[in-house]
Amino acid sequence: FEGMIAQVSAGSEMASMVSYDQRRRLLKGLFESYYA
């Protein structure tokens, strides 16, 4: 969870490519995938 936030935070080249809603969905998907 922490690593995914770091990848899309300020200072990362990916930051401008991932919106707020996308970040929320990615983080939720992390849980859904891990506990699938």
PDB file of all heavy atoms in Angstrom:
ATOM      1  N   PHE A   1       0.839  -1.200   0.000  1.00  0.00           N
ATOM      2  CA  PHE A   1       0.000   0.000   0.000  1.00  0.00           C
ATOM      3  C   PHE A   1       0.878   1.257   0.000  1.00  0.00           C
ATOM      4  O   PHE A   1       0.692   2.173  -0.808  1.00  0.00           O
ATOM      5  CB  PHE A   1      -0.882  -0.049   1.253  1.00  0.00           C
ATOM      6  CG  PHE A   1      -1.996   0.958   1.316  1.00  0.00           C
ATOM      7  CD1 PHE A   1      -3.253   0.663   0.812  1.00  0.00           C
ATOM      8  CD2 PHE A   1      -1.792   2.192   1.927  1.00  0.00           C
ATOM      9  CE1 PHE A   1      -4.294   1.576   0.909  1.00  0.00           C
ATOM     10  CE2 PHE A   1      -2.829   3.109   2.029  1.00  0.00           C
ATOM     11  CZ  PHE A   1      -4.086   2.803   1.510  1.00  0.00           C
ATOM     12  N   GLU A   2       1.858   1.285   0.891  1.00  0.00           N
ATOM     13  CA  GLU A   2       2.778   2.415   0.980  1.00  0.00           C
ATOM     14  C   GLU A   2       3.601   2.557  -0.302  1.00  0.00           C
ATOM     15  O   GLU A   2       3.819   3.661  -0.806  1.00  0.00           O
ATOM     16  CB  GLU A   2       3.702   2.239   2.185  1.00  0.00           C
ATOM     17  CG  GLU A   2       4.790   3.279   2.328  1.00  0.00           C
ATOM     18  CD  GLU A   2       4.268   4.669   2.613  1.00  0.00           C
ATOM     19  OE1 GLU A   2       3.135   4.778   3.134  1.00  0.00           O
ATOM     20  OE2 GLU A   2       4.982   5.640   2.318  1.00  0.00           O
ATOM     21  N   GLY A   3       4.051   1.410  -0.841  1.00  0.00           N
ATOM     22  CA  GLY A   3       4.850   1.443  -2.056  1.00  0.00           C
ATOM     23  C   GLY A   3       4.073   1.968  -3.251  1.00  0.00           C
ATOM     24  O   GLY A   3       4.618   2.708  -4.083  1.00  0.00           O
ATOM     25  N   MET A   4       2.796   1.598  -3.355  1.00  0.00           N
ATOM     26  CA  MET A   4       1.981   2.065  -4.469  1.00  0.00           C
ATOM     27  C   MET A   4       1.765   3.572  -4.383  1.00  0.00           C
ATOM     28  O   MET A   4       1.831   4.287  -5.396  1.00  0.00           O
ATOM     29  CB  MET A   4       0.643   1.327  -4.502  1.00  0.00           C
ATOM     30  CG  MET A   4      -0.236   1.714  -5.679  1.00  0.00           C
ATOM     31  SD  MET A   4      -1.727   0.692  -5.815  1.00  0.00           S
ATOM     32  CE  MET A   4      -1.017  -0.841  -6.403  1.00  0.00           C
ATOM     33  N   ILE A   5       1.507   4.080  -3.180  1.00  0.00           N
ATOM     34  CA  ILE A   5       1.354   5.530  -3.012  1.00  0.00           C
ATOM     35  C   ILE A   5       2.646   6.238  -3.409  1.00  0.00           C
ATOM     36  O   ILE A   5       2.625   7.282  -4.079  1.00  0.00           O
ATOM     37  CB  ILE A   5       0.963   5.866  -1.569  1.00  0.00           C
ATOM     38  CG1 ILE A   5      -0.456   5.356  -1.261  1.00  0.00           C
ATOM     39  CG2 ILE A   5       1.027   7.370  -1.324  1.00  0.00           C
ATOM     40  CD1 ILE A   5      -0.896   5.569   0.160  1.00  0.00           C
ATOM     41  N   ALA A   6       3.787   5.678  -3.025  1.00  0.00           N
ATOM     42  CA  ALA A   6       5.078   6.298  -3.356  1.00  0.00           C
ATOM     43  C   ALA A   6       5.283   6.382  -4.861  1.00  0.00           C
ATOM     44  O   ALA A   6       5.841   7.364  -5.375  1.00  0.00           O
ATOM     45  CB  ALA A   6       6.218   5.505  -2.701  1.00  0.00           C
ATOM     46  N   GLN A   7       4.814   5.377  -5.576  1.00  0.00           N
ATOM     47  CA  GLN A   7       5.015   5.344  -7.025  1.00  0.00           C
ATOM     48  C   GLN A   7       4.236   6.425  -7.762  1.00  0.00           C
ATOM     49  O   GLN A   7       4.598   6.793  -8.887  1.00  0.00           O
ATOM     50  CB  GLN A   7       4.633   3.962  -7.572  1.00  0.00           C
ATOM     51  CG  GLN A   7       5.612   2.860  -7.240  1.00  0.00           C
ATOM     52  CD  GLN A   7       6.976   3.094  -7.871  1.00  0.00           C
ATOM     53  OE1 GLN A   7       7.085   3.400  -9.060  1.00  0.00           O
ATOM     54  NE2 GLN A   7       8.022   2.973  -7.072  1.00  0.00           N
ATOM     55  N   VAL A   8       3.168   6.922  -7.164  1.00  0.00           N
ATOM     56  CA  VAL A   8       2.341   7.917  -7.859  1.00  0.00           C
ATOM     57  C   VAL A   8       2.360   9.277  -7.151  1.00  0.00           C
ATOM     58  O   VAL A   8       1.565  10.152  -7.474  1.00  0.00           O
ATOM     59  CB  VAL A   8       0.886   7.416  -8.002  1.00  0.00           C
ATOM     60  CG1 VAL A   8       0.836   6.149  -8.834  1.00  0.00           C
ATOM     61  CG2 VAL A   8       0.244   7.157  -6.631  1.00  0.00           C
ATOM     62  N   SER A   9       3.264   9.441  -6.197  1.00  0.00           N
ATOM     63  CA  SER A   9       3.337  10.692  -5.452  1.00  0.00           C
ATOM     64  C   SER A   9       4.249  11.701  -6.143  1.00  0.00           C
ATOM     65  O   SER A   9       4.983  11.369  -7.078  1.00  0.00           O
ATOM     66  CB  SER A   9       3.845  10.434  -4.029  1.00  0.00           C
ATOM     67  OG  SER A   9       2.888   9.706  -3.287  1.00  0.00           O
ATOM     68  N   ALA A  10       4.205  12.939  -5.663  1.00  0.00           N
ATOM     69  CA  ALA A  10       5.036  14.008  -6.215  1.00  0.00           C
ATOM     70  C   ALA A  10       6.504  13.592  -6.222  1.00  0.00           C
ATOM     71  O   ALA A  10       7.008  13.021  -5.255  1.00  0.00           O
ATOM     72  CB  ALA A  10       4.852  15.277  -5.397  1.00  0.00           C
ATOM     73  N   GLY A  11       7.173  13.894  -7.326  1.00  0.00           N
ATOM     74  CA  GLY A  11       8.561  13.495  -7.466  1.00  0.00           C
ATOM     75  C   GLY A  11       8.729  12.272  -8.327  1.00  0.00           C
ATOM     76  O   GLY A  11       9.822  11.993  -8.837  1.00  0.00           O
ATOM     77  N   SER A  12       7.647  11.517  -8.507  1.00  0.00           N
ATOM     78  CA  SER A  12       7.670  10.360  -9.389  1.00  0.00           C
ATOM     79  C   SER A  12       7.222  10.777 -10.783  1.00  0.00           C
ATOM     80  O   SER A  12       6.331  11.609 -10.943  1.00  0.00           O
ATOM     81  CB  SER A  12       6.733   9.266  -8.863  1.00  0.00           C
ATOM     82  OG  SER A  12       6.507   8.277  -9.849  1.00  0.00           O
ATOM     83  N   GLU A  13       7.845  10.217 -11.788  1.00  0.00           N
ATOM     84  CA  GLU A  13       7.457  10.551 -13.168  1.00  0.00           C
ATOM     85  C   GLU A  13       6.047  10.069 -13.489  1.00  0.00           C
ATOM     86  O   GLU A  13       5.442  10.509 -14.457  1.00  0.00           O
ATOM     87  CB  GLU A  13       8.451   9.936 -14.152  1.00  0.00           C
ATOM     88  CG  GLU A  13       8.531   8.423 -14.097  1.00  0.00           C
ATOM     89  CD  GLU A  13       9.582   7.848 -15.039  1.00  0.00           C
ATOM     90  OE1 GLU A  13      10.350   8.626 -15.625  1.00  0.00           O
ATOM     91  OE2 GLU A  13       9.608   6.615 -15.173  1.00  0.00           O
ATOM     92  N   MET A  14       5.513   9.181 -12.640  1.00  0.00           N
ATOM     93  CA  MET A  14       4.166   8.656 -12.857  1.00  0.00           C
ATOM     94  C   MET A  14       3.084   9.537 -12.236  1.00  0.00           C
ATOM     95  O   MET A  14       1.900   9.350 -12.514  1.00  0.00           O
ATOM     96  CB  MET A  14       4.051   7.249 -12.263  1.00  0.00           C
ATOM     97  CG  MET A  14       5.066   6.258 -12.773  1.00  0.00           C
ATOM     98  SD  MET A  14       4.853   5.913 -14.533  1.00  0.00           S
ATOM     99  CE  MET A  14       6.181   4.740 -14.793  1.00  0.00           C
ATOM    100  N   ALA A  15       3.463  10.475 -11.383  1.00  0.00           N
ATOM    101  CA  ALA A  15       2.489  11.209 -10.583  1.00  0.00           C
ATOM    102  C   ALA A  15       1.423  11.888 -11.433  1.00  0.00           C
ATOM    103  O   ALA A  15       0.225  11.836 -11.117  1.00  0.00           O
ATOM    104  CB  ALA A  15       3.200  12.239  -9.717  1.00  0.00           C
ATOM    105  N   SER A  16       1.812  12.540 -12.507  1.00  0.00           N
ATOM    106  CA  SER A  16       0.853  13.291 -13.318  1.00  0.00           C
ATOM    107  C   SER A  16      -0.041  12.396 -14.159  1.00  0.00           C
ATOM    108  O   SER A  16      -1.028  12.863 -14.746  1.00  0.00           O
ATOM    109  CB  SER A  16       1.604  14.265 -14.241  1.00  0.00           C
ATOM    110  OG  SER A  16       2.445  13.552 -15.138  1.00  0.00           O
ATOM    111  N   MET A  17       0.274  11.101 -14.224  1.00  0.00           N
ATOM    112  CA  MET A  17      -0.477  10.177 -15.076  1.00  0.00           C
ATOM    113  C   MET A  17      -1.590   9.459 -14.333  1.00  0.00           C
ATOM    114  O   MET A  17      -2.402   8.773 -14.955  1.00  0.00           O
ATOM    115  CB  MET A  17       0.483   9.139 -15.687  1.00  0.00           C
ATOM    116  CG  MET A  17       1.616   9.746 -16.490  1.00  0.00           C
ATOM    117  SD  MET A  17       2.863   8.525 -16.971  1.00  0.00           S
ATOM    118  CE  MET A  17       1.881   7.411 -17.975  1.00  0.00           C
ATOM    119  N   VAL A  18      -1.629   9.587 -13.002  1.00  0.00           N
ATOM    120  CA  VAL A  18      -2.586   8.825 -12.201  1.00  0.00           C
ATOM    121  C   VAL A  18      -3.431   9.798 -11.390  1.00  0.00           C
ATOM    122  O   VAL A  18      -2.921  10.494 -10.503  1.00  0.00           O
ATOM    123  CB  VAL A  18      -1.866   7.831 -11.257  1.00  0.00           C
ATOM    124  CG1 VAL A  18      -2.880   6.933 -10.569  1.00  0.00           C
ATOM    125  CG2 VAL A  18      -0.851   6.997 -12.027  1.00  0.00           C
ATOM    126  N   SER A  19      -4.720   9.843 -11.663  1.00  0.00           N
ATOM    127  CA  SER A  19      -5.610  10.777 -10.986  1.00  0.00           C
ATOM    128  C   SER A  19      -5.930  10.305  -9.569  1.00  0.00           C
ATOM    129  O   SER A  19      -5.647   9.166  -9.191  1.00  0.00           O
ATOM    130  CB  SER A  19      -6.911  10.928 -11.777  1.00  0.00           C
ATOM    131  OG  SER A  19      -7.675   9.730 -11.700  1.00  0.00           O
ATOM    132  N   TYR A  20      -6.579  11.184  -8.819  1.00  0.00           N
ATOM    133  CA  TYR A  20      -7.000  10.869  -7.451  1.00  0.00           C
ATOM    134  C   TYR A  20      -7.903   9.637  -7.437  1.00  0.00           C
ATOM    135  O   TYR A  20      -7.706   8.710  -6.638  1.00  0.00           O
ATOM    136  CB  TYR A  20      -7.727  12.077  -6.866  1.00  0.00           C
ATOM    137  CG  TYR A  20      -8.232  11.887  -5.454  1.00  0.00           C
ATOM    138  CD1 TYR A  20      -7.453  12.238  -4.363  1.00  0.00           C
ATOM    139  CD2 TYR A  20      -9.510  11.370  -5.212  1.00  0.00           C
ATOM    140  CE1 TYR A  20      -7.913  12.090  -3.062  1.00  0.00           C
ATOM    141  CE2 TYR A  20      -9.979  11.210  -3.913  1.00  0.00           C
ATOM    142  CZ  TYR A  20      -9.181  11.566  -2.851  1.00  0.00           C
ATOM    143  OH  TYR A  20      -9.645  11.408  -1.580  1.00  0.00           O
ATOM    144  N   ASP A  21      -8.902   9.608  -8.316  1.00  0.00           N
ATOM    145  CA  ASP A  21      -9.818   8.471  -8.352  1.00  0.00           C
ATOM    146  C   ASP A  21      -9.114   7.199  -8.786  1.00  0.00           C
ATOM    147  O   ASP A  21      -9.432   6.105  -8.286  1.00  0.00           O
ATOM    148  CB  ASP A  21     -10.991   8.766  -9.290  1.00  0.00           C
ATOM    149  CG  ASP A  21     -11.961   9.778  -8.711  1.00  0.00           C
ATOM    150  OD1 ASP A  21     -11.971   9.938  -7.469  1.00  0.00           O
ATOM    151  OD2 ASP A  21     -12.700  10.407  -9.486  1.00  0.00           O
ATOM    152  N   GLN A  22      -8.173   7.320  -9.703  1.00  0.00           N
ATOM    153  CA  GLN A  22      -7.409   6.135 -10.108  1.00  0.00           C
ATOM    154  C   GLN A  22      -6.572   5.596  -8.951  1.00  0.00           C
ATOM    155  O   GLN A  22      -6.463   4.382  -8.764  1.00  0.00           O
ATOM    156  CB  GLN A  22      -6.502   6.484 -11.291  1.00  0.00           C
ATOM    157  CG  GLN A  22      -7.237   6.641 -12.615  1.00  0.00           C
ATOM    158  CD  GLN A  22      -6.317   7.092 -13.727  1.00  0.00           C
ATOM    159  OE1 GLN A  22      -5.489   7.988 -13.543  1.00  0.00           O
ATOM    160  NE2 GLN A  22      -6.452   6.476 -14.894  1.00  0.00           N
ATOM    161  N   ARG A  23      -5.999   6.488  -8.187  1.00  0.00           N
ATOM    162  CA  ARG A  23      -5.198   6.058  -7.034  1.00  0.00           C
ATOM    163  C   ARG A  23      -6.070   5.295  -6.038  1.00  0.00           C
ATOM    164  O   ARG A  23      -5.674   4.247  -5.519  1.00  0.00           O
ATOM    165  CB  ARG A  23      -4.557   7.269  -6.352  1.00  0.00           C
ATOM    166  CG  ARG A  23      -3.575   8.014  -7.229  1.00  0.00           C
ATOM    167  CD  ARG A  23      -2.964   9.209  -6.518  1.00  0.00           C
ATOM    168  NE  ARG A  23      -2.246  10.058  -7.454  1.00  0.00           N
ATOM    169  CZ  ARG A  23      -1.334  10.954  -7.112  1.00  0.00           C
ATOM    170  NH1 ARG A  23      -1.024  11.119  -5.832  1.00  0.00           N
ATOM    171  NH2 ARG A  23      -0.723  11.687  -8.018  1.00  0.00           N
ATOM    172  N   ARG A  24      -7.251   5.828  -5.768  1.00  0.00           N
ATOM    173  CA  ARG A  24      -8.158   5.154  -4.839  1.00  0.00           C
ATOM    174  C   ARG A  24      -8.539   3.772  -5.364  1.00  0.00           C
ATOM    175  O   ARG A  24      -8.549   2.803  -4.591  1.00  0.00           O
ATOM    176  CB  ARG A  24      -9.407   6.013  -4.626  1.00  0.00           C
ATOM    177  CG  ARG A  24     -10.424   5.414  -3.659  1.00  0.00           C
ATOM    178  CD  ARG A  24     -11.563   6.378  -3.387  1.00  0.00           C
ATOM    179  NE  ARG A  24     -12.121   6.929  -4.609  1.00  0.00           N
ATOM    180  CZ  ARG A  24     -12.993   6.287  -5.390  1.00  0.00           C
ATOM    181  NH1 ARG A  24     -13.397   5.059  -5.061  1.00  0.00           N
ATOM    182  NH2 ARG A  24     -13.463   6.853  -6.473  1.00  0.00           N
ATOM    183  N   ARG A  25      -8.823   3.670  -6.668  1.00  0.00           N
ATOM    184  CA  ARG A  25      -9.198   2.367  -7.236  1.00  0.00           C
ATOM    185  C   ARG A  25      -8.020   1.390  -7.217  1.00  0.00           C
ATOM    186  O   ARG A  25      -8.197   0.190  -6.964  1.00  0.00           O
ATOM    187  CB  ARG A  25      -9.720   2.541  -8.658  1.00  0.00           C
ATOM    188  CG  ARG A  25     -11.083   3.228  -8.744  1.00  0.00           C
ATOM    189  CD  ARG A  25     -11.711   3.041 -10.111  1.00  0.00           C
ATOM    190  NE  ARG A  25     -10.908   3.626 -11.171  1.00  0.00           N
ATOM    191  CZ  ARG A  25     -11.057   4.868 -11.623  1.00  0.00           C
ATOM    192  NH1 ARG A  25     -11.939   5.684 -11.057  1.00  0.00           N
ATOM    193  NH2 ARG A  25     -10.305   5.321 -12.622  1.00  0.00           N
ATOM    194  N   LEU A  26      -6.830   1.904  -7.497  1.00  0.00           N
ATOM    195  CA  LEU A  26      -5.648   1.042  -7.466  1.00  0.00           C
ATOM    196  C   LEU A  26      -5.417   0.484  -6.070  1.00  0.00           C
ATOM    197  O   LEU A  26      -5.116  -0.703  -5.897  1.00  0.00           O
ATOM    198  CB  LEU A  26      -4.415   1.822  -7.917  1.00  0.00           C
ATOM    199  CG  LEU A  26      -4.270   2.073  -9.416  1.00  0.00           C
ATOM    200  CD1 LEU A  26      -3.166   3.089  -9.683  1.00  0.00           C
ATOM    201  CD2 LEU A  26      -3.976   0.768 -10.155  1.00  0.00           C
ATOM    202  N   LEU A  27      -5.561   1.334  -5.064  1.00  0.00           N
ATOM    203  CA  LEU A  27      -5.340   0.888  -3.695  1.00  0.00           C
ATOM    204  C   LEU A  27      -6.407  -0.109  -3.249  1.00  0.00           C
ATOM    205  O   LEU A  27      -6.106  -1.101  -2.575  1.00  0.00           O
ATOM    206  CB  LEU A  27      -5.306   2.092  -2.753  1.00  0.00           C
ATOM    207  CG  LEU A  27      -4.086   3.012  -2.945  1.00  0.00           C
ATOM    208  CD1 LEU A  27      -4.279   4.316  -2.199  1.00  0.00           C
ATOM    209  CD2 LEU A  27      -2.804   2.317  -2.486  1.00  0.00           C
ATOM    210  N   LYS A  28      -7.644   0.134  -3.640  1.00  0.00           N
ATOM    211  CA  LYS A  28      -8.707  -0.823  -3.325  1.00  0.00           C
ATOM    212  C   LYS A  28      -8.464  -2.131  -4.063  1.00  0.00           C
ATOM    213  O   LYS A  28      -8.646  -3.227  -3.509  1.00  0.00           O
ATOM    214  CB  LYS A  28     -10.070  -0.251  -3.695  1.00  0.00           C
ATOM    215  CG  LYS A  28     -11.226  -1.152  -3.289  1.00  0.00           C
ATOM    216  CD  LYS A  28     -12.573  -0.492  -3.552  1.00  0.00           C
ATOM    217  CE  LYS A  28     -13.716  -1.388  -3.085  1.00  0.00           C
ATOM    218  NZ  LYS A  28     -15.036  -0.769  -3.325  1.00  0.00           N
ATOM    219  N   GLY A  29      -8.027  -2.033  -5.319  1.00  0.00           N
ATOM    220  CA  GLY A  29      -7.742  -3.238  -6.096  1.00  0.00           C
ATOM    221  C   GLY A  29      -6.615  -4.057  -5.515  1.00  0.00           C
ATOM    222  O   GLY A  29      -6.580  -5.288  -5.676  1.00  0.00           O
ATOM    223  N   LEU A  30      -5.694  -3.392  -4.832  1.00  0.00           N
ATOM    224  CA  LEU A  30      -4.605  -4.113  -4.173  1.00  0.00           C
ATOM    225  C   LEU A  30      -5.157  -5.081  -3.141  1.00  0.00           C
ATOM    226  O   LEU A  30      -4.754  -6.251  -3.072  1.00  0.00           O
ATOM    227  CB  LEU A  30      -3.668  -3.095  -3.518  1.00  0.00           C
ATOM    228  CG  LEU A  30      -2.458  -3.624  -2.763  1.00  0.00           C
ATOM    229  CD1 LEU A  30      -1.524  -4.361  -3.705  1.00  0.00           C
ATOM    230  CD2 LEU A  30      -1.724  -2.460  -2.092  1.00  0.00           C
ATOM    231  N   PHE A  31      -6.114  -4.620  -2.345  1.00  0.00           N
ATOM    232  CA  PHE A  31      -6.749  -5.480  -1.349  1.00  0.00           C
ATOM    233  C   PHE A  31      -7.543  -6.603  -2.019  1.00  0.00           C
ATOM    234  O   PHE A  31      -7.459  -7.767  -1.624  1.00  0.00           O
ATOM    235  CB  PHE A  31      -7.673  -4.659  -0.451  1.00  0.00           C
ATOM    236  CG  PHE A  31      -6.972  -3.880   0.612  1.00  0.00           C
ATOM    237  CD1 PHE A  31      -6.403  -2.642   0.324  1.00  0.00           C
ATOM    238  CD2 PHE A  31      -6.859  -4.366   1.904  1.00  0.00           C
ATOM    239  CE1 PHE A  31      -5.762  -1.916   1.306  1.00  0.00           C
ATOM    240  CE2 PHE A  31      -6.212  -3.643   2.893  1.00  0.00           C
ATOM    241  CZ  PHE A  31      -5.657  -2.408   2.587  1.00  0.00           C
ATOM    242  N   GLU A  32      -8.324  -6.248  -3.022  1.00  0.00           N
ATOM    243  CA  GLU A  32      -9.160  -7.244  -3.694  1.00  0.00           C
ATOM    244  C   GLU A  32      -8.303  -8.321  -4.349  1.00  0.00           C
ATOM    245  O   GLU A  32      -8.640  -9.511  -4.313  1.00  0.00           O
ATOM    246  CB  GLU A  32     -10.043  -6.563  -4.746  1.00  0.00           C
ATOM    247  CG  GLU A  32     -11.068  -5.590  -4.170  1.00  0.00           C
ATOM    248  CD  GLU A  32     -12.187  -6.281  -3.409  1.00  0.00           C
ATOM    249  OE1 GLU A  32     -12.187  -7.521  -3.310  1.00  0.00           O
ATOM    250  OE2 GLU A  32     -13.060  -5.563  -2.881  1.00  0.00           O
ATOM    251  N   SER A  33      -7.176  -7.924  -4.924  1.00  0.00           N
ATOM    252  CA  SER A  33      -6.296  -8.901  -5.571  1.00  0.00           C
ATOM    253  C   SER A  33      -5.612  -9.792  -4.542  1.00  0.00           C
ATOM    254  O   SER A  33      -5.540 -11.010  -4.704  1.00  0.00           O
ATOM    255  CB  SER A  33      -5.246  -8.181  -6.419  1.00  0.00           C
ATOM    256  OG  SER A  33      -5.843  -7.457  -7.462  1.00  0.00           O
ATOM    257  N   TYR A  34      -5.110  -9.170  -3.473  1.00  0.00           N
ATOM    258  CA  TYR A  34      -4.385  -9.948  -2.472  1.00  0.00           C
ATOM    259  C   TYR A  34      -5.301 -10.968  -1.793  1.00  0.00           C
ATOM    260  O   TYR A  34      -4.877 -12.093  -1.506  1.00  0.00           O
ATOM    261  CB  TYR A  34      -3.781  -9.000  -1.428  1.00  0.00           C
ATOM    262  CG  TYR A  34      -2.937  -9.708  -0.398  1.00  0.00           C
ATOM    263  CD1 TYR A  34      -1.632 -10.099  -0.690  1.00  0.00           C
ATOM    264  CD2 TYR A  34      -3.443 -10.000   0.872  1.00  0.00           C
ATOM    265  CE1 TYR A  34      -0.857 -10.756   0.255  1.00  0.00           C
ATOM    266  CE2 TYR A  34      -2.674 -10.655   1.812  1.00  0.00           C
ATOM    267  CZ  TYR A  34      -1.387 -11.024   1.503  1.00  0.00           C
ATOM    268  OH  TYR A  34      -0.624 -11.690   2.433  1.00  0.00           O
ATOM    269  N   TYR A  35      -6.553 -10.582  -1.543  1.00  0.00           N
ATOM    270  CA  TYR A  35      -7.478 -11.467  -0.842  1.00  0.00           C
ATOM    271  C   TYR A  35      -8.441 -12.191  -1.786  1.00  0.00           C
ATOM    272  O   TYR A  35      -9.458 -12.719  -1.335  1.00  0.00           O
ATOM    273  CB  TYR A  35      -8.265 -10.672   0.200  1.00  0.00           C
ATOM    274  CG  TYR A  35      -7.426 -10.270   1.394  1.00  0.00           C
ATOM    275  CD1 TYR A  35      -7.041  -8.943   1.598  1.00  0.00           C
ATOM    276  CD2 TYR A  35      -7.001 -11.226   2.316  1.00  0.00           C
ATOM    277  CE1 TYR A  35      -6.254  -8.579   2.694  1.00  0.00           C
ATOM    278  CE2 TYR A  35      -6.221 -10.879   3.404  1.00  0.00           C
ATOM    279  CZ  TYR A  35      -5.853  -9.561   3.587  1.00  0.00           C
ATOM    280  OH  TYR A  35      -5.077  -9.219   4.675  1.00  0.00           O
ATOM    281  N   ALA A  36      -8.111 -12.246  -3.058  1.00  0.00           N
ATOM    282  CA  ALA A  36      -9.011 -12.858  -4.039  1.00  0.00           C
ATOM    283  C   ALA A  36      -9.271 -14.334  -3.753  1.00  0.00           C
ATOM    284  O   ALA A  36     -10.336 -14.862  -4.112  1.00  0.00           O
ATOM    285  CB  ALA A  36      -8.437 -12.686  -5.443  1.00  0.00           C
TER     286      ALA A  36
END
